[in-house]
N, C-alpha and C. Protein backbone atom coordinates (compact mmCIF):
# COMPACT_ATOMS: atom_id res chain seq x y z
N MET A 1 0.82 -1.18 0.00
CA MET A 1 0.00 0.00 0.00
C MET A 1 0.88 1.26 0.00
N LEU A 2 1.96 1.24 0.78
CA LEU A 2 2.84 2.40 0.82
C LEU A 2 3.57 2.59 -0.51
N ARG A 3 3.90 1.50 -1.18
CA ARG A 3 4.57 1.60 -2.48
C ARG A 3 3.69 2.26 -3.53
N ARG A 4 2.41 1.94 -3.51
CA ARG A 4 1.49 2.44 -4.53
C ARG A 4 1.04 3.88 -4.30
N SER A 5 1.13 4.36 -3.08
CA SER A 5 0.65 5.70 -2.77
C SER A 5 1.53 6.76 -3.41
N LYS A 6 0.92 7.58 -4.25
CA LYS A 6 1.66 8.66 -4.92
C LYS A 6 1.51 9.98 -4.17
N ASN A 7 0.62 10.02 -3.19
CA ASN A 7 0.36 11.26 -2.44
C ASN A 7 1.29 11.42 -1.25
N LEU A 8 2.03 10.38 -0.90
CA LEU A 8 2.91 10.44 0.27
C LEU A 8 4.36 10.64 -0.14
N SER A 9 5.07 11.45 0.62
CA SER A 9 6.50 11.62 0.39
C SER A 9 7.23 10.37 0.88
N SER A 10 8.45 10.21 0.45
CA SER A 10 9.26 9.06 0.90
C SER A 10 9.44 9.09 2.41
N GLU A 11 9.59 10.28 2.97
CA GLU A 11 9.76 10.41 4.42
C GLU A 11 8.52 9.91 5.16
N MET A 12 7.34 10.28 4.68
CA MET A 12 6.10 9.83 5.33
C MET A 12 5.93 8.32 5.19
N LYS A 13 6.32 7.77 4.06
CA LYS A 13 6.22 6.32 3.88
C LYS A 13 7.09 5.60 4.89
N VAL A 14 8.29 6.11 5.12
CA VAL A 14 9.20 5.51 6.11
C VAL A 14 8.59 5.62 7.50
N LYS A 15 8.02 6.76 7.83
CA LYS A 15 7.41 6.95 9.14
C LYS A 15 6.24 6.00 9.35
N TYR A 16 5.40 5.86 8.35
CA TYR A 16 4.27 4.93 8.45
C TYR A 16 4.76 3.48 8.58
N ALA A 17 5.80 3.14 7.85
CA ALA A 17 6.35 1.79 7.94
C ALA A 17 6.91 1.53 9.35
N CYS A 18 7.56 2.52 9.93
CA CYS A 18 8.09 2.37 11.30
C CYS A 18 6.96 2.16 12.30
N LEU A 19 5.90 2.93 12.17
CA LEU A 19 4.74 2.76 13.06
C LEU A 19 4.13 1.37 12.90
N LEU A 20 4.05 0.92 11.67
CA LEU A 20 3.49 -0.41 11.40
C LEU A 20 4.33 -1.51 12.06
N ILE A 21 5.63 -1.42 11.95
CA ILE A 21 6.51 -2.43 12.55
C ILE A 21 6.39 -2.42 14.07
N VAL A 22 6.42 -1.22 14.66
CA VAL A 22 6.37 -1.12 16.12
C VAL A 22 5.01 -1.55 16.66
N ASP A 23 3.93 -0.98 16.11
CA ASP A 23 2.61 -1.25 16.69
C ASP A 23 1.89 -2.43 16.07
N GLY A 24 2.35 -2.89 14.94
CA GLY A 24 1.72 -4.05 14.31
C GLY A 24 2.42 -5.36 14.61
N LEU A 25 3.68 -5.28 15.04
CA LEU A 25 4.44 -6.51 15.29
C LEU A 25 5.02 -6.53 16.71
N LEU A 26 5.87 -5.58 17.01
CA LEU A 26 6.57 -5.60 18.29
C LEU A 26 5.67 -5.35 19.50
N CYS A 27 4.85 -4.33 19.42
CA CYS A 27 4.03 -3.93 20.58
C CYS A 27 2.56 -4.14 20.29
N ARG A 28 2.25 -5.18 19.62
CA ARG A 28 0.87 -5.44 19.23
C ARG A 28 0.01 -5.74 20.46
N LYS A 29 -1.16 -5.11 20.50
CA LYS A 29 -2.06 -5.31 21.64
C LYS A 29 -3.30 -6.10 21.27
N SER A 30 -3.72 -6.06 20.01
CA SER A 30 -4.93 -6.77 19.61
C SER A 30 -4.91 -6.99 18.10
N ALA A 31 -5.86 -7.80 17.64
CA ALA A 31 -5.95 -8.06 16.20
C ALA A 31 -6.35 -6.79 15.44
N GLY A 32 -7.19 -5.97 16.03
CA GLY A 32 -7.58 -4.71 15.42
C GLY A 32 -6.62 -3.62 15.87
N MET A 33 -5.46 -3.58 15.24
CA MET A 33 -4.38 -2.71 15.67
C MET A 33 -4.77 -1.23 15.62
N LYS A 34 -4.54 -0.53 16.72
CA LYS A 34 -4.70 0.92 16.77
C LYS A 34 -3.37 1.49 17.23
N ILE A 35 -2.91 2.50 16.54
CA ILE A 35 -1.63 3.12 16.88
C ILE A 35 -1.88 4.13 17.99
N PRO A 36 -1.18 3.96 19.13
CA PRO A 36 -1.35 4.91 20.23
C PRO A 36 -0.95 6.33 19.81
N LYS A 37 -1.65 7.29 20.35
CA LYS A 37 -1.40 8.70 20.01
C LYS A 37 0.03 9.11 20.30
N ASP A 38 0.59 8.63 21.43
CA ASP A 38 1.96 9.03 21.77
C ASP A 38 2.97 8.48 20.76
N HIS A 39 2.71 7.31 20.18
CA HIS A 39 3.60 6.79 19.14
C HIS A 39 3.50 7.62 17.87
N ALA A 40 2.28 8.01 17.52
CA ALA A 40 2.08 8.84 16.33
C ALA A 40 2.76 10.20 16.50
N GLU A 41 2.76 10.72 17.71
CA GLU A 41 3.43 12.00 17.95
C GLU A 41 4.95 11.84 17.96
N MET A 42 5.42 10.70 18.47
CA MET A 42 6.87 10.44 18.51
C MET A 42 7.46 10.37 17.11
N ILE A 43 6.70 9.88 16.14
CA ILE A 43 7.24 9.66 14.80
C ILE A 43 7.55 10.97 14.09
N ARG A 44 7.06 12.08 14.63
CA ARG A 44 7.39 13.39 14.02
C ARG A 44 8.89 13.61 14.01
N ASP A 45 9.57 13.11 15.05
CA ASP A 45 11.03 13.17 15.10
C ASP A 45 11.54 11.75 14.87
N LEU A 46 11.83 11.42 13.63
CA LEU A 46 12.18 10.05 13.25
C LEU A 46 13.43 9.56 13.99
N ASP A 47 14.42 10.43 14.16
CA ASP A 47 15.63 10.01 14.88
C ASP A 47 15.32 9.61 16.32
N TYR A 48 14.46 10.38 16.98
CA TYR A 48 14.07 10.04 18.34
C TYR A 48 13.29 8.72 18.36
N PHE A 49 12.37 8.57 17.43
CA PHE A 49 11.56 7.36 17.34
C PHE A 49 12.45 6.13 17.16
N LEU A 50 13.43 6.24 16.27
CA LEU A 50 14.31 5.10 15.98
C LEU A 50 15.27 4.80 17.14
N SER A 51 15.59 5.81 17.95
CA SER A 51 16.50 5.58 19.07
C SER A 51 15.76 5.15 20.34
N PHE A 52 14.43 5.18 20.30
CA PHE A 52 13.64 4.77 21.46
C PHE A 52 13.88 3.28 21.73
N PRO A 53 13.98 2.86 23.00
CA PRO A 53 14.24 1.44 23.32
C PRO A 53 12.99 0.56 23.14
N TRP A 54 12.59 0.34 21.90
CA TRP A 54 11.37 -0.43 21.62
C TRP A 54 11.46 -1.86 22.12
N GLY A 55 12.63 -2.45 22.04
CA GLY A 55 12.79 -3.82 22.53
C GLY A 55 12.47 -3.93 24.00
N TRP A 56 13.00 -3.01 24.79
CA TRP A 56 12.75 -3.02 26.22
C TRP A 56 11.28 -2.72 26.51
N HIS A 57 10.73 -1.75 25.81
CA HIS A 57 9.31 -1.38 25.97
C HIS A 57 8.42 -2.59 25.69
N CYS A 58 8.70 -3.27 24.63
CA CYS A 58 7.92 -4.45 24.23
C CYS A 58 8.09 -5.59 25.23
N PHE A 59 9.33 -5.81 25.68
CA PHE A 59 9.60 -6.85 26.66
C PHE A 59 8.80 -6.60 27.94
N GLU A 60 8.82 -5.35 28.42
CA GLU A 60 8.06 -5.01 29.63
C GLU A 60 6.57 -5.25 29.43
N MET A 61 6.05 -4.89 28.26
CA MET A 61 4.63 -5.09 27.97
C MET A 61 4.29 -6.57 28.00
N THR A 62 5.13 -7.37 27.39
CA THR A 62 4.90 -8.82 27.33
C THR A 62 4.93 -9.44 28.72
N VAL A 63 5.93 -9.08 29.51
CA VAL A 63 6.06 -9.63 30.86
C VAL A 63 4.89 -9.20 31.74
N ARG A 64 4.48 -7.92 31.67
CA ARG A 64 3.32 -7.46 32.45
C ARG A 64 2.07 -8.26 32.08
N CYS A 65 1.90 -8.52 30.79
CA CYS A 65 0.72 -9.25 30.35
C CYS A 65 0.75 -10.70 30.85
N ILE A 66 1.90 -11.34 30.75
CA ILE A 66 2.03 -12.72 31.22
C ILE A 66 1.80 -12.80 32.73
N LYS A 67 2.39 -11.86 33.48
CA LYS A 67 2.24 -11.86 34.94
C LYS A 67 0.80 -11.60 35.37
N SER A 68 0.03 -10.91 34.53
CA SER A 68 -1.36 -10.61 34.90
C SER A 68 -2.28 -11.83 34.74
N ARG A 69 -1.81 -12.86 34.08
CA ARG A 69 -2.60 -14.07 33.88
C ARG A 69 -2.42 -15.01 35.07
N THR A 70 -3.48 -15.72 35.40
CA THR A 70 -3.40 -16.72 36.46
C THR A 70 -2.78 -18.00 35.89
N THR A 71 -2.38 -18.89 36.78
CA THR A 71 -1.80 -20.17 36.35
C THR A 71 -2.82 -20.94 35.51
N THR A 72 -4.07 -20.88 35.90
CA THR A 72 -5.13 -21.57 35.16
C THR A 72 -5.26 -21.01 33.75
N GLN A 73 -5.21 -19.68 33.63
CA GLN A 73 -5.30 -19.06 32.30
C GLN A 73 -4.11 -19.46 31.43
N LEU A 74 -2.93 -19.48 32.02
CA LEU A 74 -1.73 -19.84 31.25
C LEU A 74 -1.71 -21.31 30.86
N ALA A 75 -2.46 -22.15 31.57
CA ALA A 75 -2.50 -23.58 31.27
C ALA A 75 -3.54 -23.91 30.19
N GLN A 76 -4.30 -22.93 29.73
CA GLN A 76 -5.30 -23.16 28.69
C GLN A 76 -4.61 -23.54 27.37
N PRO A 77 -5.32 -24.22 26.48
CA PRO A 77 -4.72 -24.55 25.18
C PRO A 77 -4.30 -23.30 24.39
N THR A 78 -5.03 -22.20 24.58
CA THR A 78 -4.66 -20.93 23.95
C THR A 78 -4.76 -19.83 24.99
N VAL A 79 -3.91 -18.85 24.88
CA VAL A 79 -3.93 -17.71 25.78
C VAL A 79 -3.49 -16.48 24.98
N VAL A 80 -4.17 -15.37 25.20
CA VAL A 80 -3.83 -14.13 24.52
C VAL A 80 -2.80 -13.39 25.35
N VAL A 81 -1.69 -13.03 24.71
CA VAL A 81 -0.64 -12.29 25.37
C VAL A 81 -0.27 -11.11 24.48
N GLN A 82 -0.23 -9.93 25.07
CA GLN A 82 0.15 -8.74 24.32
C GLN A 82 1.66 -8.61 24.27
N GLY A 83 2.15 -7.98 23.21
CA GLY A 83 3.57 -7.76 23.06
C GLY A 83 4.16 -8.70 22.03
N PHE A 84 5.47 -8.85 22.08
CA PHE A 84 6.18 -9.66 21.09
C PHE A 84 6.38 -11.07 21.62
N ILE A 85 5.28 -11.78 21.75
CA ILE A 85 5.30 -13.13 22.31
C ILE A 85 6.01 -14.12 21.39
N HIS A 86 6.13 -13.79 20.12
CA HIS A 86 6.82 -14.67 19.17
C HIS A 86 8.23 -15.00 19.67
N ALA A 87 8.93 -13.99 20.17
CA ALA A 87 10.29 -14.20 20.66
C ALA A 87 10.30 -15.14 21.86
N VAL A 88 9.36 -14.98 22.76
CA VAL A 88 9.28 -15.84 23.94
C VAL A 88 9.01 -17.28 23.51
N GLN A 89 8.13 -17.47 22.54
CA GLN A 89 7.83 -18.82 22.06
C GLN A 89 9.05 -19.47 21.42
N LEU A 90 9.80 -18.73 20.64
CA LEU A 90 10.99 -19.30 20.01
C LEU A 90 12.06 -19.66 21.04
N VAL A 91 12.23 -18.83 22.06
CA VAL A 91 13.17 -19.14 23.14
C VAL A 91 12.72 -20.40 23.87
N LEU A 92 11.42 -20.50 24.15
CA LEU A 92 10.88 -21.68 24.83
C LEU A 92 11.14 -22.94 24.01
N LEU A 93 10.88 -22.88 22.72
CA LEU A 93 11.08 -24.07 21.89
C LEU A 93 12.54 -24.48 21.81
N LYS A 94 13.44 -23.51 21.83
CA LYS A 94 14.87 -23.82 21.79
C LYS A 94 15.34 -24.38 23.14
N ALA A 95 14.84 -23.79 24.23
CA ALA A 95 15.28 -24.19 25.56
C ALA A 95 14.62 -25.47 26.05
N VAL A 96 13.38 -25.73 25.61
CA VAL A 96 12.64 -26.90 26.07
C VAL A 96 12.09 -27.63 24.84
N PRO A 97 12.93 -28.42 24.16
CA PRO A 97 12.49 -29.09 22.94
C PRO A 97 11.27 -29.99 23.15
N ALA A 98 11.07 -30.52 24.35
CA ALA A 98 9.92 -31.38 24.61
C ALA A 98 8.60 -30.61 24.47
N ALA A 99 8.64 -29.28 24.62
CA ALA A 99 7.42 -28.48 24.48
C ALA A 99 6.89 -28.58 23.06
N LEU A 100 7.77 -28.74 22.10
CA LEU A 100 7.36 -28.87 20.71
C LEU A 100 6.55 -30.13 20.49
N MET A 101 6.88 -31.20 21.19
CA MET A 101 6.16 -32.46 21.04
C MET A 101 4.71 -32.33 21.51
N THR A 102 4.46 -31.50 22.52
CA THR A 102 3.10 -31.32 23.00
C THR A 102 2.24 -30.54 22.02
N MET A 103 2.89 -29.90 21.05
CA MET A 103 2.16 -29.12 20.04
C MET A 103 2.04 -29.87 18.73
N GLY A 104 2.41 -31.13 18.74
CA GLY A 104 2.29 -31.93 17.52
C GLY A 104 3.52 -31.91 16.64
N GLY A 105 4.59 -31.28 17.10
CA GLY A 105 5.83 -31.25 16.31
C GLY A 105 6.76 -32.34 16.77
N GLU A 106 7.95 -32.33 16.20
CA GLU A 106 8.97 -33.31 16.59
C GLU A 106 10.12 -32.58 17.23
N SER A 107 10.71 -33.17 18.25
CA SER A 107 11.90 -32.56 18.83
C SER A 107 13.12 -33.15 18.15
N GLY A 108 14.24 -32.46 18.31
CA GLY A 108 15.49 -32.96 17.76
C GLY A 108 15.61 -32.76 16.26
N SER A 109 14.96 -31.75 15.69
CA SER A 109 15.12 -31.50 14.25
C SER A 109 16.54 -31.09 13.98
N GLU A 110 17.00 -31.39 12.78
CA GLU A 110 18.41 -31.22 12.49
C GLU A 110 18.78 -29.88 11.90
N SER A 111 17.83 -29.13 11.36
CA SER A 111 18.20 -27.86 10.74
C SER A 111 17.36 -26.73 11.30
N GLU A 112 17.93 -25.51 11.20
CA GLU A 112 17.22 -24.32 11.65
C GLU A 112 15.93 -24.12 10.85
N GLU A 113 15.96 -24.45 9.56
CA GLU A 113 14.78 -24.28 8.72
C GLU A 113 13.63 -25.14 9.22
N GLU A 114 13.92 -26.36 9.62
CA GLU A 114 12.88 -27.24 10.13
C GLU A 114 12.29 -26.69 11.42
N GLU A 115 13.16 -26.16 12.29
CA GLU A 115 12.68 -25.60 13.55
C GLU A 115 11.75 -24.43 13.29
N CYS A 116 12.11 -23.55 12.37
CA CYS A 116 11.27 -22.39 12.07
C CYS A 116 9.95 -22.82 11.45
N ALA A 117 10.00 -23.81 10.57
CA ALA A 117 8.77 -24.28 9.93
C ALA A 117 7.84 -24.90 10.97
N THR A 118 8.39 -25.63 11.92
CA THR A 118 7.58 -26.25 12.95
C THR A 118 7.00 -25.19 13.88
N ALA A 119 7.80 -24.18 14.21
CA ALA A 119 7.32 -23.12 15.11
C ALA A 119 6.14 -22.37 14.52
N SER A 120 6.04 -22.33 13.21
CA SER A 120 4.94 -21.59 12.60
C SER A 120 3.60 -22.26 12.84
N THR A 121 3.59 -23.51 13.29
CA THR A 121 2.33 -24.19 13.58
C THR A 121 1.70 -23.71 14.88
N LEU A 122 2.34 -22.77 15.57
CA LEU A 122 1.81 -22.25 16.82
C LEU A 122 0.66 -21.26 16.61
N LYS A 123 0.37 -20.92 15.37
CA LYS A 123 -0.72 -20.00 15.03
C LYS A 123 -0.56 -18.69 15.79
N LEU A 124 0.56 -18.04 15.59
CA LEU A 124 0.88 -16.82 16.30
C LEU A 124 0.04 -15.63 15.87
N ASP A 125 -0.65 -15.75 14.75
CA ASP A 125 -1.42 -14.62 14.24
C ASP A 125 -2.71 -14.40 15.01
N LYS A 126 -3.08 -15.28 15.90
CA LYS A 126 -4.34 -15.13 16.64
C LYS A 126 -4.06 -14.52 17.99
N LEU A 127 -3.73 -13.24 18.01
CA LEU A 127 -3.41 -12.53 19.25
C LEU A 127 -4.63 -11.84 19.78
């Protein structure tokens, strides 16, 4: 969509792309993504926006969300977690290969490509 738009300057396209990456992937809160007003205001200064510690911000959001869930909620077959939970899932699968077996995958795969392909069966798009 950004490529096809002739009404936007290159600078605005970059700013919109940055907002999309931050609020659509890293700091995602729901399926119906809404960009927070403070993020939209931050993007006015692109250098400041790019130097902001988004990784730490996202990590804190993810941990707060996980901590707010009860043990029973976390034991459900599916649980909604805000933030960049993809990274947590990949760390879990690498650190605890047996977890993959409970999801219908195989542990002990021999290549990184196989591990990534198996991890995609976690249906991460349903946040």
